[in-house]
C-alpha atoms as a PDB file:
ATOM      1  CA  UNK A   1      -0.140   0.243   0.368  1.00  0.00           C
ATOM      2  CA  UNK A   2       1.437   3.164  -0.421  1.00  0.00           C
ATOM      3  CA  UNK A   3       1.814   6.160   1.669  1.00  0.00           C
ATOM      4  CA  UNK A   4      -0.369   8.326   0.574  1.00  0.00           C
ATOM      5  CA  UNK A   5      -3.308   5.917   0.198  1.00  0.00           C
ATOM      6  CA  UNK A   6      -2.837   4.499   3.840  1.00  0.00           C
ATOM      7  CA  UNK A   7      -3.310   8.779   5.529  1.00  0.00           C
ATOM      8  CA  UNK A   8      -5.998   9.423   2.784  1.00  0.00           C
ATOM      9  CA  UNK A   9      -7.590   6.333   4.766  1.00  0.00           C
ATOM     10  CA  UNK A  10      -7.019   7.295   7.991  1.00  0.00           C
ATOM     11  CA  UNK A  11      -8.280  10.648   7.569  1.00  0.00           C
ATOM     12  CA  UNK A  12     -11.393   9.170   5.469  1.00  0.00           C
ATOM     13  CA  UNK A  13     -11.921   6.814   9.076  1.00  0.00           C
ATOM     14  CA  UNK A  14     -11.238   9.950  11.053  1.00  0.00           C
ATOM     15  CA  UNK A  15     -13.787  12.376   9.050  1.00  0.00           C
ATOM     16  CA  UNK A  16     -16.193   9.328   9.471  1.00  0.00           C
ATOM     17  CA  UNK A  17     -15.496   9.549  13.703  1.00  0.00           C
ATOM     18  CA  UNK A  18     -16.115  13.413  13.399  1.00  0.00           C
ATOM     19  CA  UNK A  19     -19.210  12.921  11.892  1.00  0.00           C
ATOM     20  CA  UNK A  20     -20.712  11.964  14.349  1.00  0.00           C
ATOM     21  CA  UNK A  21     -19.215  14.682  17.063  1.00  0.00           C
ATOM     22  CA  UNK A  22     -20.826  17.154  14.797  1.00  0.00           C
ATOM     23  CA  UNK A  23     -24.268  14.789  15.468  1.00  0.00           C
ATOM     24  CA  UNK A  24     -23.238  14.980  18.957  1.00  0.00           C
ATOM     25  CA  UNK A  25     -22.782  18.333  19.152  1.00  0.00           C
ATOM     26  CA  UNK A  26     -26.292  19.161  17.663  1.00  0.00           C
ATOM     27  CA  UNK A  27     -28.508  16.826  20.279  1.00  0.00           C
ATOM     28  CA  UNK A  28     -26.536  18.551  23.302  1.00  0.00           C
ATOM     29  CA  UNK A  29     -27.084  22.313  21.569  1.00  0.00           C
ATOM     30  CA  UNK A  30     -31.251  20.994  21.982  1.00  0.00           C
ATOM     31  CA  UNK A  31     -30.595  19.579  24.733  1.00  0.00           C
ATOM     32  CA  UNK A  32     -29.247  22.704  26.356  1.00  0.00           C
ATOM     33  CA  UNK A  33     -31.651  24.716  25.096  1.00  0.00           C
ATOM     34  CA  UNK A  34     -34.249  23.053  26.203  1.00  0.00           C
ATOM     35  CA  UNK A  35     -33.144  22.323  29.681  1.00  0.00           C
ATOM     36  CA  UNK A  36     -32.375  25.882  29.835  1.00  0.00           C
ATOM     37  CA  UNK A  37     -35.766  27.426  27.956  1.00  0.00           C
ATOM     38  CA  UNK A  38     -37.901  25.051  29.208  1.00  0.00           C
ATOM     39  CA  UNK A  39     -36.863  23.660  33.185  1.00  0.00           C
ATOM     40  CA  UNK A  40     -34.319  27.065  34.217  1.00  0.00           C
ATOM     41  CA  UNK A  41     -31.505  24.390  34.763  1.00  0.00           C
ATOM     42  CA  UNK A  42     -28.298  24.266  32.781  1.00  0.00           C
ATOM     43  CA  UNK A  43     -24.357  23.298  33.413  1.00  0.00           C
ATOM     44  CA  UNK A  44     -21.223  24.766  32.731  1.00  0.00           C
ATOM     45  CA  UNK A  45     -20.046  21.261  31.814  1.00  0.00           C
ATOM     46  CA  UNK A  46     -22.622  20.055  29.459  1.00  0.00           C
ATOM     47  CA  UNK A  47     -22.486  23.780  27.367  1.00  0.00           C
ATOM     48  CA  UNK A  48     -18.802  23.392  26.946  1.00  0.00           C
ATOM     49  CA  UNK A  49     -18.889  19.594  26.117  1.00  0.00           C
ATOM     50  CA  UNK A  50     -20.283  21.109  22.682  1.00  0.00           C
ATOM     51  CA  UNK A  51     -17.564  24.307  22.268  1.00  0.00           C
ATOM     52  CA  UNK A  52     -15.362  21.019  22.942  1.00  0.00           C
ATOM     53  CA  UNK A  53     -16.830  18.420  19.672  1.00  0.00           C
ATOM     54  CA  UNK A  54     -17.313  21.614  17.786  1.00  0.00           C
ATOM     55  CA  UNK A  55     -13.448  22.264  18.515  1.00  0.00           C
ATOM     56  CA  UNK A  56     -12.825  18.766  17.744  1.00  0.00           C
ATOM     57  CA  UNK A  57     -15.147  18.907  14.795  1.00  0.00           C
ATOM     58  CA  UNK A  58     -13.031  21.174  12.676  1.00  0.00           C
ATOM     59  CA  UNK A  59      -9.849  20.747  14.043  1.00  0.00           C
ATOM     60  CA  UNK A  60      -9.685  17.621  12.932  1.00  0.00           C
ATOM     61  CA  UNK A  61     -11.404  17.434  10.030  1.00  0.00           C
ATOM     62  CA  UNK A  62      -9.142  19.806   8.365  1.00  0.00           C
ATOM     63  CA  UNK A  63      -6.857  17.051   6.604  1.00  0.00           C
ATOM     64  CA  UNK A  64     -10.106  15.134   5.424  1.00  0.00           C
ATOM     65  CA  UNK A  65     -11.522  18.841   3.592  1.00  0.00           C
ATOM     66  CA  UNK A  66      -7.771  19.064   2.718  1.00  0.00           C
ATOM     67  CA  UNK A  67      -7.915  15.155   0.881  1.00  0.00           C
ATOM     68  CA  UNK A  68     -11.517  15.965  -0.308  1.00  0.00           C
ATOM     69  CA  UNK A  69     -10.070  19.525  -2.444  1.00  0.00           C
ATOM     70  CA  UNK A  70     -13.228  21.000  -1.040  1.00  0.00           C
ATOM     71  CA  UNK A  71     -10.588  23.469   1.216  1.00  0.00           C
ATOM     72  CA  UNK A  72     -10.837  27.344   0.627  1.00  0.00           C
ATOM     73  CA  UNK A  73      -9.195  27.675  -2.136  1.00  0.00           C
ATOM     74  CA  UNK A  74      -9.407  31.455  -4.390  1.00  0.00           C
ATOM     75  CA  UNK A  75      -9.355  29.763  -8.057  1.00  0.00           C
ATOM     76  CA  UNK A  76     -10.044  32.160 -10.038  1.00  0.00           C
ATOM     77  CA  UNK A  77      -7.261  30.909 -12.577  1.00  0.00           C
ATOM     78  CA  UNK A  78      -7.510  27.670 -10.986  1.00  0.00           C
ATOM     79  CA  UNK A  79     -10.085  26.266 -12.856  1.00  0.00           C
ATOM     80  CA  UNK A  80      -8.106  27.048 -16.108  1.00  0.00           C
ATOM     81  CA  UNK A  81      -5.604  25.674 -15.791  1.00  0.00           C
ATOM     82  CA  UNK A  82      -4.274  22.433 -17.163  1.00  0.00           C
ATOM     83  CA  UNK A  83      -4.033  18.693 -15.150  1.00  0.00           C
ATOM     84  CA  UNK A  84      -0.569  19.255 -15.526  1.00  0.00           C
ATOM     85  CA  UNK A  85      -0.494  22.887 -13.909  1.00  0.00           C
ATOM     86  CA  UNK A  86      -3.130  22.337 -11.660  1.00  0.00           C
ATOM     87  CA  UNK A  87      -1.117  19.535 -10.514  1.00  0.00           C
ATOM     88  CA  UNK A  88       2.071  21.808  -9.739  1.00  0.00           C
ATOM     89  CA  UNK A  89       0.382  24.510  -7.891  1.00  0.00           C
ATOM     90  CA  UNK A  90      -1.496  22.127  -5.978  1.00  0.00           C
ATOM     91  CA  UNK A  91       2.302  21.136  -5.415  1.00  0.00           C
ATOM     92  CA  UNK A  92       3.907  24.580  -4.981  1.00  0.00           C
ATOM     93  CA  UNK A  93       1.288  25.220  -2.458  1.00  0.00           C
ATOM     94  CA  UNK A  94       1.630  22.281   0.242  1.00  0.00           C
ATOM     95  CA  UNK A  95       5.512  22.979  -0.195  1.00  0.00           C
ATOM     96  CA  UNK A  96       5.356  26.374   0.569  1.00  0.00           C
ATOM     97  CA  UNK A  97       2.396  27.338   2.561  1.00  0.00           C
ATOM     98  CA  UNK A  98       0.775  24.348   3.925  1.00  0.00           C
ATOM     99  CA  UNK A  99       3.883  22.681   5.224  1.00  0.00           C
ATOM    100  CA  UNK A 100       5.587  25.303   6.787  1.00  0.00           C
ATOM    101  CA  UNK A 101       3.226  27.016   8.313  1.00  0.00           C
ATOM    102  CA  UNK A 102       1.799  23.687   9.717  1.00  0.00           C
ATOM    103  CA  UNK A 103       5.106  22.618  11.089  1.00  0.00           C
ATOM    104  CA  UNK A 104       5.996  26.088  12.361  1.00  0.00           C
ATOM    105  CA  UNK A 105       2.045  25.785  14.472  1.00  0.00           C
ATOM    106  CA  UNK A 106       3.488  22.356  15.643  1.00  0.00           C
ATOM    107  CA  UNK A 107       6.710  23.585  17.095  1.00  0.00           C
ATOM    108  CA  UNK A 108       5.313  27.154  18.754  1.00  0.00           C
ATOM    109  CA  UNK A 109       2.495  24.965  20.601  1.00  0.00           C
ATOM    110  CA  UNK A 110       4.108  22.166  21.280  1.00  0.00           C
ATOM    111  CA  UNK A 111       5.524  23.930  24.721  1.00  0.00           C
ATOM    112  CA  UNK A 112       2.147  25.548  25.560  1.00  0.00           C
ATOM    113  CA  UNK A 113       0.490  22.163  24.900  1.00  0.00           C
ATOM    114  CA  UNK A 114       3.002  20.197  27.383  1.00  0.00           C
ATOM    115  CA  UNK A 115       2.573  23.137  30.012  1.00  0.00           C
ATOM    116  CA  UNK A 116      -1.370  22.567  29.629  1.00  0.00           C
ATOM    117  CA  UNK A 117      -0.515  18.480  30.779  1.00  0.00           C
ATOM    118  CA  UNK A 118       1.453  18.939  33.143  1.00  0.00           C
ATOM    119  CA  UNK A 119      -0.618  20.917  34.844  1.00  0.00           C
ATOM    120  CA  UNK A 120      -3.967  18.162  33.824  1.00  0.00           C
ATOM    121  CA  UNK A 121      -5.217  22.159  33.291  1.00  0.00           C
ATOM    122  CA  UNK A 122      -9.518  22.183  33.587  1.00  0.00           C
ATOM    123  CA  UNK A 123     -11.534  24.830  33.028  1.00  0.00           C
ATOM    124  CA  UNK A 124     -11.640  28.156  35.152  1.00  0.00           C
ATOM    125  CA  UNK A 125     -15.491  28.042  35.368  1.00  0.00           C
ATOM    126  CA  UNK A 126     -17.227  26.160  38.625  1.00  0.00           C
ATOM    127  CA  UNK A 127     -18.606  23.370  36.906  1.00  0.00           C
ATOM    128  CA  UNK A 128     -16.451  23.360  33.745  1.00  0.00           C
ATOM    129  CA  UNK A 129     -14.935  20.333  32.586  1.00  0.00           C
ATOM    130  CA  UNK A 130     -12.177  18.851  33.260  1.00  0.00           C
ATOM    131  CA  UNK A 131     -10.057  18.854  30.121  1.00  0.00           C
ATOM    132  CA  UNK A 132      -8.875  21.822  29.438  1.00  0.00           C
ATOM    133  CA  UNK A 133      -5.556  20.048  28.347  1.00  0.00           C
ATOM    134  CA  UNK A 134      -7.343  17.546  25.916  1.00  0.00           C
ATOM    135  CA  UNK A 135      -8.465  20.896  24.253  1.00  0.00           C
ATOM    136  CA  UNK A 136      -5.821  21.963  23.767  1.00  0.00           C
ATOM    137  CA  UNK A 137      -3.825  18.859  22.176  1.00  0.00           C
ATOM    138  CA  UNK A 138      -5.841  18.735  19.449  1.00  0.00           C
ATOM    139  CA  UNK A 139      -3.779  22.206  18.070  1.00  0.00           C
ATOM    140  CA  UNK A 140      -1.006  19.838  18.028  1.00  0.00           C
ATOM    141  CA  UNK A 141      -3.174  16.987  15.905  1.00  0.00           C
ATOM    142  CA  UNK A 142      -4.440  19.692  13.397  1.00  0.00           C
ATOM    143  CA  UNK A 143      -1.118  20.336  12.468  1.00  0.00           C
ATOM    144  CA  UNK A 144       0.175  16.925  12.909  1.00  0.00           C
ATOM    145  CA  UNK A 145      -2.774  15.497  10.433  1.00  0.00           C
ATOM    146  CA  UNK A 146      -2.521  18.286   8.130  1.00  0.00           C
ATOM    147  CA  UNK A 147       1.056  17.792   7.958  1.00  0.00           C
ATOM    148  CA  UNK A 148       0.570  13.869   6.787  1.00  0.00           C
ATOM    149  CA  UNK A 149      -2.214  15.068   4.947  1.00  0.00           C
ATOM    150  CA  UNK A 150       0.515  17.170   3.233  1.00  0.00           C
ATOM    151  CA  UNK A 151       2.273  14.092   2.501  1.00  0.00           C
ATOM    152  CA  UNK A 152       0.197  12.801   0.822  1.00  0.00           C
ATOM    153  CA  UNK A 153      -1.165  15.268  -1.216  1.00  0.00           C
ATOM    154  CA  UNK A 154       2.535  16.476  -1.930  1.00  0.00           C
ATOM    155  CA  UNK A 155       3.114  12.468  -3.081  1.00  0.00           C
ATOM    156  CA  UNK A 156      -0.064  12.257  -5.508  1.00  0.00           C
ATOM    157  CA  UNK A 157       0.429  15.963  -7.567  1.00  0.00           C
ATOM    158  CA  UNK A 158       4.122  15.092  -7.723  1.00  0.00           C
ATOM    159  CA  UNK A 159       3.279  11.782  -9.497  1.00  0.00           C
ATOM    160  CA  UNK A 160       0.329  13.591 -11.245  1.00  0.00           C
ATOM    161  CA  UNK A 161       2.544  16.263 -12.689  1.00  0.00           C
ATOM    162  CA  UNK A 162       4.990  13.853 -13.592  1.00  0.00           C
ATOM    163  CA  UNK A 163       2.667  11.210 -15.531  1.00  0.00           C
ATOM    164  CA  UNK A 164       0.396  14.141 -17.235  1.00  0.00           C
ATOM    165  CA  UNK A 165       1.634  14.316 -20.495  1.00  0.00           C
ATOM    166  CA  UNK A 166      -0.432  17.838 -20.831  1.00  0.00           C
ATOM    167  CA  UNK A 167       1.491  20.953 -22.036  1.00  0.00           C
ATOM    168  CA  UNK A 168       1.621  23.213 -18.472  1.00  0.00           C
END
């Protein structure tokens, strides 16, 4: 199995798990609203759990979004490019923008997350979740997963560029 296929499959499976987070987030939000306005009850931990799920959906779903080519792109020119030129553009964008930015995020946030783990940082709110260190770990998982998917994109686009017979 090629490495890009393995990375693609990993992110596809991760996205299936994350899709359940979205359902849980919607149901929890509904429950919060019903309890709050119907019964005048509320729990900070329940509200924070929606925030944690929301963060997980976006932070862990970013690599899958890149995999399926649904990320934000200003394609004024891109849509008219040949397959070979698109592959080269994607390759250069990944090498010069995606990878350096995510490696920077990984390096700069490492100590921040490790400090949180050392403290087993919890919510500053009374009754909040004692898992802020887990929430902050999503920053590292975000950059690692995007770097992995970036590697898959580099391989895929390099092969596409090499094999494309079209003129650029």
